[in-house]
Amino acid sequence: MSDAGSDSNSTKNSKLKTQNFIDVSAGLVFHKGKLLITQRRAKDHLGGLWEFPGGKRESNESDEDCLRRELREELGIEVEVNELIESIRHDYPEKSVHLKFFRCGLLKGEPAPLACDSIAWVSPTQLSNFDFPEADQRLLGKLRAQSELWT
């Protein structure tokens, strides 16, 4: 009897996770010792918070292709996607996200807030002046602690 209940809960949880699970690629775009961050639009989920630019991966694209597309659409820049720095799964009440953060090099263009409210280039000490989503907190700690990531 308890096994059946476990299977039922497992199925419900799996179904919920499948329906509300989002893969996100985000860029850590470093340039001249600063890191690019963007402010989410007020009308969007987690509106007004700051984040690392990127977005939802489409089913037909790789994480890296997603990131190149998102940064071109949201900021008008071309980037070189390099190594994966952090991978985080975070559960919000309404959905679960799997965030992959890649180090990126700026190849072409000057970032402009095409699909966000604002942009900023920040130093490690300035990160604490901005409010980020809960899902980014582990990465923020890593960025503050590991100065070699900024070079």
C-alpha atoms as a PDB file:
ATOM      1  CA  MET A   1       0.000   0.000   0.000  1.00  0.00           C
ATOM      2  CA  SER A   2       2.729   2.496   0.850  1.00  0.00           C
ATOM      3  CA  ASP A   3       4.601   1.528  -2.320  1.00  0.00           C
ATOM      4  CA  ALA A   4       1.576   2.415  -4.435  1.00  0.00           C
ATOM      5  CA  GLY A   5       1.356   5.781  -2.704  1.00  0.00           C
ATOM      6  CA  SER A   6       5.057   6.420  -3.362  1.00  0.00           C
ATOM      7  CA  ASP A   7       4.666   5.556  -7.032  1.00  0.00           C
ATOM      8  CA  SER A   8       1.664   7.843  -7.290  1.00  0.00           C
ATOM      9  CA  ASN A   9       3.543  10.745  -5.697  1.00  0.00           C
ATOM     10  CA  SER A  10       6.599  10.046  -7.814  1.00  0.00           C
ATOM     11  CA  THR A  11       4.480  10.104 -10.958  1.00  0.00           C
ATOM     12  CA  LYS A  12       2.787  13.346  -9.960  1.00  0.00           C
ATOM     13  CA  ASN A  13       6.126  14.953  -9.154  1.00  0.00           C
ATOM     14  CA  SER A  14       7.662  13.713 -12.405  1.00  0.00           C
ATOM     15  CA  LYS A  15       4.704  15.010 -14.391  1.00  0.00           C
ATOM     16  CA  LEU A  16       4.909  18.404 -12.678  1.00  0.00           C
ATOM     17  CA  LYS A  17       8.653  18.643 -13.291  1.00  0.00           C
ATOM     18  CA  THR A  18       8.247  17.668 -16.941  1.00  0.00           C
ATOM     19  CA  GLN A  19       5.526  20.254 -17.564  1.00  0.00           C
ATOM     20  CA  ASN A  20       7.237  23.118 -15.739  1.00  0.00           C
ATOM     21  CA  PHE A  21      10.930  22.366 -16.276  1.00  0.00           C
ATOM     22  CA  ILE A  22      12.946  24.960 -18.179  1.00  0.00           C
ATOM     23  CA  ASP A  23      16.515  24.690 -19.477  1.00  0.00           C
ATOM     24  CA  VAL A  24      18.259  28.052 -19.431  1.00  0.00           C
ATOM     25  CA  SER A  25      21.655  29.060 -20.830  1.00  0.00           C
ATOM     26  CA  ALA A  26      23.219  32.176 -19.348  1.00  0.00           C
ATOM     27  CA  GLY A  27      26.372  34.058 -20.260  1.00  0.00           C
ATOM     28  CA  LEU A  28      29.111  35.303 -18.001  1.00  0.00           C
ATOM     29  CA  VAL A  29      30.349  37.956 -20.406  1.00  0.00           C
ATOM     30  CA  PHE A  30      33.623  39.337 -19.068  1.00  0.00           C
ATOM     31  CA  HIS A  31      35.248  42.377 -20.685  1.00  0.00           C
ATOM     32  CA  LYS A  32      38.122  44.464 -19.326  1.00  0.00           C
ATOM     33  CA  GLY A  33      37.776  43.032 -15.812  1.00  0.00           C
ATOM     34  CA  LYS A  34      34.022  43.632 -15.609  1.00  0.00           C
ATOM     35  CA  LEU A  35      31.017  41.325 -15.895  1.00  0.00           C
ATOM     36  CA  LEU A  36      27.855  42.119 -17.840  1.00  0.00           C
ATOM     37  CA  ILE A  37      24.565  41.869 -15.946  1.00  0.00           C
ATOM     38  CA  THR A  38      21.042  42.712 -17.059  1.00  0.00           C
ATOM     39  CA  GLN A  39      17.904  43.818 -15.241  1.00  0.00           C
ATOM     40  CA  ARG A  40      14.759  41.814 -15.897  1.00  0.00           C
ATOM     41  CA  ARG A  41      11.763  43.720 -17.239  1.00  0.00           C
ATOM     42  CA  ALA A  42       9.284  44.697 -14.530  1.00  0.00           C
ATOM     43  CA  LYS A  43       6.479  42.729 -16.244  1.00  0.00           C
ATOM     44  CA  ASP A  44       8.494  39.463 -16.447  1.00  0.00           C
ATOM     45  CA  HIS A  45       8.863  36.657 -13.890  1.00  0.00           C
ATOM     46  CA  LEU A  46      11.201  37.984 -11.164  1.00  0.00           C
ATOM     47  CA  GLY A  47      10.821  41.438 -12.691  1.00  0.00           C
ATOM     48  CA  GLY A  48      13.268  44.109 -11.589  1.00  0.00           C
ATOM     49  CA  LEU A  49      15.915  41.650 -10.416  1.00  0.00           C
ATOM     50  CA  TRP A  50      19.349  41.512 -12.020  1.00  0.00           C
ATOM     51  CA  GLU A  51      20.654  38.434 -13.788  1.00  0.00           C
ATOM     52  CA  PHE A  52      23.231  37.096 -16.172  1.00  0.00           C
ATOM     53  CA  PRO A  53      21.964  37.459 -19.745  1.00  0.00           C
ATOM     54  CA  GLY A  54      20.561  34.438 -21.531  1.00  0.00           C
ATOM     55  CA  GLY A  55      17.318  32.578 -21.869  1.00  0.00           C
ATOM     56  CA  LYS A  56      15.288  29.461 -22.488  1.00  0.00           C
ATOM     57  CA  ARG A  57      16.772  26.738 -24.664  1.00  0.00           C
ATOM     58  CA  GLU A  58      14.599  25.604 -27.551  1.00  0.00           C
ATOM     59  CA  SER A  59      14.277  21.841 -28.046  1.00  0.00           C
ATOM     60  CA  ASN A  60      16.180  21.945 -31.344  1.00  0.00           C
ATOM     61  CA  GLU A  61      19.267  23.830 -30.144  1.00  0.00           C
ATOM     62  CA  SER A  62      22.342  23.214 -28.023  1.00  0.00           C
ATOM     63  CA  ASP A  63      23.010  25.193 -24.853  1.00  0.00           C
ATOM     64  CA  GLU A  64      25.723  27.119 -26.675  1.00  0.00           C
ATOM     65  CA  ASP A  65      23.525  27.905 -29.702  1.00  0.00           C
ATOM     66  CA  CYS A  66      20.774  29.056 -27.340  1.00  0.00           C
ATOM     67  CA  LEU A  67      23.153  31.438 -25.603  1.00  0.00           C
ATOM     68  CA  ARG A  68      24.448  32.927 -28.849  1.00  0.00           C
ATOM     69  CA  ARG A  69      20.859  33.454 -30.064  1.00  0.00           C
ATOM     70  CA  GLU A  70      19.615  34.938 -26.789  1.00  0.00           C
ATOM     71  CA  LEU A  71      22.499  37.424 -26.468  1.00  0.00           C
ATOM     72  CA  ARG A  72      22.043  38.502 -30.074  1.00  0.00           C
ATOM     73  CA  GLU A  73      18.269  38.997 -29.562  1.00  0.00           C
ATOM     74  CA  GLU A  74      18.382  40.545 -26.072  1.00  0.00           C
ATOM     75  CA  LEU A  75      21.549  42.653 -26.273  1.00  0.00           C
ATOM     76  CA  GLY A  76      22.579  42.874 -29.935  1.00  0.00           C
ATOM     77  CA  ILE A  77      25.988  41.274 -29.323  1.00  0.00           C
ATOM     78  CA  GLU A  78      27.913  38.345 -30.737  1.00  0.00           C
ATOM     79  CA  VAL A  79      29.816  36.185 -28.264  1.00  0.00           C
ATOM     80  CA  GLU A  80      32.176  33.267 -28.179  1.00  0.00           C
ATOM     81  CA  VAL A  81      30.741  30.662 -25.794  1.00  0.00           C
ATOM     82  CA  ASN A  82      33.508  29.054 -23.773  1.00  0.00           C
ATOM     83  CA  GLU A  83      33.575  26.690 -20.791  1.00  0.00           C
ATOM     84  CA  LEU A  84      30.701  25.855 -18.487  1.00  0.00           C
ATOM     85  CA  ILE A  85      31.347  27.615 -15.156  1.00  0.00           C
ATOM     86  CA  GLU A  86      28.325  26.462 -13.143  1.00  0.00           C
ATOM     87  CA  SER A  87      25.218  24.324 -13.519  1.00  0.00           C
ATOM     88  CA  ILE A  88      22.372  24.887 -11.048  1.00  0.00           C
ATOM     89  CA  ARG A  89      18.924  23.403 -10.695  1.00  0.00           C
ATOM     90  CA  HIS A  90      16.466  25.538  -8.766  1.00  0.00           C
ATOM     91  CA  ASP A  91      12.828  24.935  -7.905  1.00  0.00           C
ATOM     92  CA  TYR A  92      10.460  27.886  -7.793  1.00  0.00           C
ATOM     93  CA  PRO A  93       6.848  27.291  -6.710  1.00  0.00           C
ATOM     94  CA  GLU A  94       5.586  27.573 -10.290  1.00  0.00           C
ATOM     95  CA  LYS A  95       8.472  25.942 -12.175  1.00  0.00           C
ATOM     96  CA  SER A  96      11.905  24.370 -12.014  1.00  0.00           C
ATOM     97  CA  VAL A  97      14.886  25.733 -13.901  1.00  0.00           C
ATOM     98  CA  HIS A  98      18.179  24.174 -14.873  1.00  0.00           C
ATOM     99  CA  LEU A  99      20.621  27.037 -15.335  1.00  0.00           C
ATOM    100  CA  LYS A 100      23.902  26.568 -17.176  1.00  0.00           C
ATOM    101  CA  PHE A 101      26.333  29.467 -16.900  1.00  0.00           C
ATOM    102  CA  PHE A 102      29.023  29.715 -19.591  1.00  0.00           C
ATOM    103  CA  ARG A 103      32.033  32.012 -19.732  1.00  0.00           C
ATOM    104  CA  CYS A 104      31.688  34.148 -22.859  1.00  0.00           C
ATOM    105  CA  GLY A 105      33.942  36.468 -24.772  1.00  0.00           C
ATOM    106  CA  LEU A 106      32.528  39.554 -26.451  1.00  0.00           C
ATOM    107  CA  LEU A 107      33.227  39.286 -30.189  1.00  0.00           C
ATOM    108  CA  LYS A 108      31.132  42.015 -31.761  1.00  0.00           C
ATOM    109  CA  GLY A 109      28.766  44.790 -30.785  1.00  0.00           C
ATOM    110  CA  GLU A 110      28.110  47.008 -27.812  1.00  0.00           C
ATOM    111  CA  PRO A 111      25.457  45.598 -25.442  1.00  0.00           C
ATOM    112  CA  ALA A 112      22.135  47.447 -25.546  1.00  0.00           C
ATOM    113  CA  PRO A 113      19.021  46.695 -23.459  1.00  0.00           C
ATOM    114  CA  LEU A 114      16.864  45.392 -26.323  1.00  0.00           C
ATOM    115  CA  ALA A 115      14.873  42.891 -24.208  1.00  0.00           C
ATOM    116  CA  CYS A 116      15.654  43.966 -20.649  1.00  0.00           C
ATOM    117  CA  ASP A 117      15.266  47.151 -18.621  1.00  0.00           C
ATOM    118  CA  SER A 118      18.947  47.937 -18.025  1.00  0.00           C
ATOM    119  CA  ILE A 119      22.478  46.646 -18.361  1.00  0.00           C
ATOM    120  CA  ALA A 120      25.559  47.168 -16.219  1.00  0.00           C
ATOM    121  CA  TRP A 121      29.229  46.227 -16.307  1.00  0.00           C
ATOM    122  CA  VAL A 122      30.250  45.368 -12.736  1.00  0.00           C
ATOM    123  CA  SER A 123      33.333  44.444 -10.739  1.00  0.00           C
ATOM    124  CA  PRO A 124      33.353  41.656  -8.126  1.00  0.00           C
ATOM    125  CA  THR A 125      32.849  44.142  -5.294  1.00  0.00           C
ATOM    126  CA  GLN A 126      29.875  45.759  -7.044  1.00  0.00           C
ATOM    127  CA  LEU A 127      27.889  42.498  -7.355  1.00  0.00           C
ATOM    128  CA  SER A 128      26.452  42.913  -3.856  1.00  0.00           C
ATOM    129  CA  ASN A 129      24.892  46.247  -4.884  1.00  0.00           C
ATOM    130  CA  PHE A 130      22.383  44.427  -7.124  1.00  0.00           C
ATOM    131  CA  ASP A 131      19.454  42.135  -6.279  1.00  0.00           C
ATOM    132  CA  PHE A 132      19.630  38.753  -8.046  1.00  0.00           C
ATOM    133  CA  PRO A 133      17.190  35.813  -8.073  1.00  0.00           C
ATOM    134  CA  GLU A 134      17.629  33.150  -5.421  1.00  0.00           C
ATOM    135  CA  ALA A 135      18.743  30.675  -8.102  1.00  0.00           C
ATOM    136  CA  ASP A 136      21.889  32.754  -8.799  1.00  0.00           C
ATOM    137  CA  GLN A 137      23.169  32.919  -5.215  1.00  0.00           C
ATOM    138  CA  ARG A 138      25.586  29.956  -5.421  1.00  0.00           C
ATOM    139  CA  LEU A 139      27.147  31.349  -8.584  1.00  0.00           C
ATOM    140  CA  LEU A 140      27.410  34.822  -7.036  1.00  0.00           C
ATOM    141  CA  GLY A 141      29.365  33.325  -4.136  1.00  0.00           C
ATOM    142  CA  LYS A 142      31.705  31.613  -6.580  1.00  0.00           C
ATOM    143  CA  LEU A 143      32.212  34.823  -8.555  1.00  0.00           C
ATOM    144  CA  ARG A 144      33.067  36.757  -5.384  1.00  0.00           C
ATOM    145  CA  ALA A 145      35.432  34.084  -4.088  1.00  0.00           C
ATOM    146  CA  GLN A 146      37.315  33.172  -7.262  1.00  0.00           C
ATOM    147  CA  SER A 147      39.086  36.225  -8.648  1.00  0.00           C
ATOM    148  CA  GLU A 148      40.659  34.142 -11.440  1.00  0.00           C
ATOM    149  CA  LEU A 149      37.242  33.942 -13.116  1.00  0.00           C
ATOM    150  CA  TRP A 150      37.490  37.689 -13.806  1.00  0.00           C
ATOM    151  CA  THR A 151      40.738  37.545 -15.763  1.00  0.00           C
END
